[in-house]
């Protein structure tokens, strides 16, 4: 599966890039409300899904 490719360091770097993008979208001290959560919810869901699939792949490799 394409999502499972790469190393843990690759996955961490991918997450860091997304975090930097999201953090750069707001000003320091800015109050974050519902619109902020709504705007990035798709990214959150996608990252959670990737995490689950990647964990499953690692566990399958360990216990196979």
C-alpha atoms as a PDB file:
ATOM      1  CA  UNK A   1       0.000   0.000   0.000  1.00  0.00           C
ATOM      2  CA  UNK A   2       1.375   3.424  -0.968  1.00  0.00           C
ATOM      3  CA  UNK A   3       0.598   5.038   2.406  1.00  0.00           C
ATOM      4  CA  UNK A   4       2.711   2.444   4.225  1.00  0.00           C
ATOM      5  CA  UNK A   5       5.800   3.167   2.109  1.00  0.00           C
ATOM      6  CA  UNK A   6       8.666   5.103   3.608  1.00  0.00           C
ATOM      7  CA  UNK A   7      10.277   5.071   7.011  1.00  0.00           C
ATOM      8  CA  UNK A   8       9.088   6.350  10.337  1.00  0.00           C
ATOM      9  CA  UNK A   9      11.410   9.332   9.811  1.00  0.00           C
ATOM     10  CA  UNK A  10       9.730  10.032   6.456  1.00  0.00           C
ATOM     11  CA  UNK A  11       6.334   9.936   8.129  1.00  0.00           C
ATOM     12  CA  UNK A  12       7.496  12.277  10.889  1.00  0.00           C
ATOM     13  CA  UNK A  13       8.891  14.707   8.309  1.00  0.00           C
ATOM     14  CA  UNK A  14       5.575  14.630   6.437  1.00  0.00           C
ATOM     15  CA  UNK A  15       3.691  15.445   9.628  1.00  0.00           C
ATOM     16  CA  UNK A  16       6.157  18.211  10.483  1.00  0.00           C
ATOM     17  CA  UNK A  17       5.634  19.825   7.074  1.00  0.00           C
ATOM     18  CA  UNK A  18       1.874  19.816   7.598  1.00  0.00           C
ATOM     19  CA  UNK A  19       2.247  21.208  11.118  1.00  0.00           C
ATOM     20  CA  UNK A  20       4.475  24.022   9.860  1.00  0.00           C
ATOM     21  CA  UNK A  21       1.946  24.871   7.151  1.00  0.00           C
ATOM     22  CA  UNK A  22      -0.895  24.997   9.663  1.00  0.00           C
ATOM     23  CA  UNK A  23       1.070  26.967  12.276  1.00  0.00           C
ATOM     24  CA  UNK A  24       2.175  29.463   9.630  1.00  0.00           C
ATOM     25  CA  UNK A  25      -1.473  30.158   8.775  1.00  0.00           C
ATOM     26  CA  UNK A  26      -2.078  32.054  12.037  1.00  0.00           C
ATOM     27  CA  UNK A  27      -0.518  35.009  13.771  1.00  0.00           C
ATOM     28  CA  UNK A  28       1.035  34.744  17.216  1.00  0.00           C
ATOM     29  CA  UNK A  29      -1.614  35.453  19.841  1.00  0.00           C
ATOM     30  CA  UNK A  30      -4.492  35.010  17.393  1.00  0.00           C
ATOM     31  CA  UNK A  31      -7.613  33.470  18.923  1.00  0.00           C
ATOM     32  CA  UNK A  32      -8.533  30.277  17.145  1.00  0.00           C
ATOM     33  CA  UNK A  33     -12.168  29.420  16.787  1.00  0.00           C
ATOM     34  CA  UNK A  34     -14.456  26.978  15.085  1.00  0.00           C
ATOM     35  CA  UNK A  35     -13.475  28.112  11.576  1.00  0.00           C
ATOM     36  CA  UNK A  36      -9.838  27.193  12.257  1.00  0.00           C
ATOM     37  CA  UNK A  37     -10.838  23.701  13.388  1.00  0.00           C
ATOM     38  CA  UNK A  38     -13.187  23.294  10.447  1.00  0.00           C
ATOM     39  CA  UNK A  39     -10.589  24.480   7.930  1.00  0.00           C
ATOM     40  CA  UNK A  40      -8.041  21.843   8.963  1.00  0.00           C
ATOM     41  CA  UNK A  41     -10.324  18.967   9.956  1.00  0.00           C
ATOM     42  CA  UNK A  42      -9.752  17.127   6.650  1.00  0.00           C
ATOM     43  CA  UNK A  43      -6.006  17.123   7.310  1.00  0.00           C
ATOM     44  CA  UNK A  44      -6.581  15.781  10.827  1.00  0.00           C
ATOM     45  CA  UNK A  45      -8.792  12.969   9.561  1.00  0.00           C
ATOM     46  CA  UNK A  46      -6.359  12.063   6.772  1.00  0.00           C
ATOM     47  CA  UNK A  47      -3.383  11.974   9.164  1.00  0.00           C
ATOM     48  CA  UNK A  48      -5.290   9.801  11.644  1.00  0.00           C
ATOM     49  CA  UNK A  49      -6.198   7.404   8.857  1.00  0.00           C
ATOM     50  CA  UNK A  50      -2.600   7.260   7.627  1.00  0.00           C
ATOM     51  CA  UNK A  51      -1.405   6.660  11.181  1.00  0.00           C
ATOM     52  CA  UNK A  52      -3.782   3.744  11.620  1.00  0.00           C
ATOM     53  CA  UNK A  53      -2.809   2.141   8.320  1.00  0.00           C
ATOM     54  CA  UNK A  54       0.883   2.645   8.983  1.00  0.00           C
ATOM     55  CA  UNK A  55       0.603   1.205  12.478  1.00  0.00           C
ATOM     56  CA  UNK A  56      -1.253  -1.798  11.086  1.00  0.00           C
ATOM     57  CA  UNK A  57       1.536  -2.315   8.561  1.00  0.00           C
ATOM     58  CA  UNK A  58       4.223  -2.145  11.226  1.00  0.00           C
ATOM     59  CA  UNK A  59       2.332  -4.561  13.476  1.00  0.00           C
ATOM     60  CA  UNK A  60       1.731  -6.959  10.595  1.00  0.00           C
ATOM     61  CA  UNK A  61       5.442  -6.909   9.837  1.00  0.00           C
ATOM     62  CA  UNK A  62       6.330  -7.570  13.475  1.00  0.00           C
ATOM     63  CA  UNK A  63       3.860 -10.402  14.024  1.00  0.00           C
ATOM     64  CA  UNK A  64       4.111 -12.121  10.634  1.00  0.00           C
END
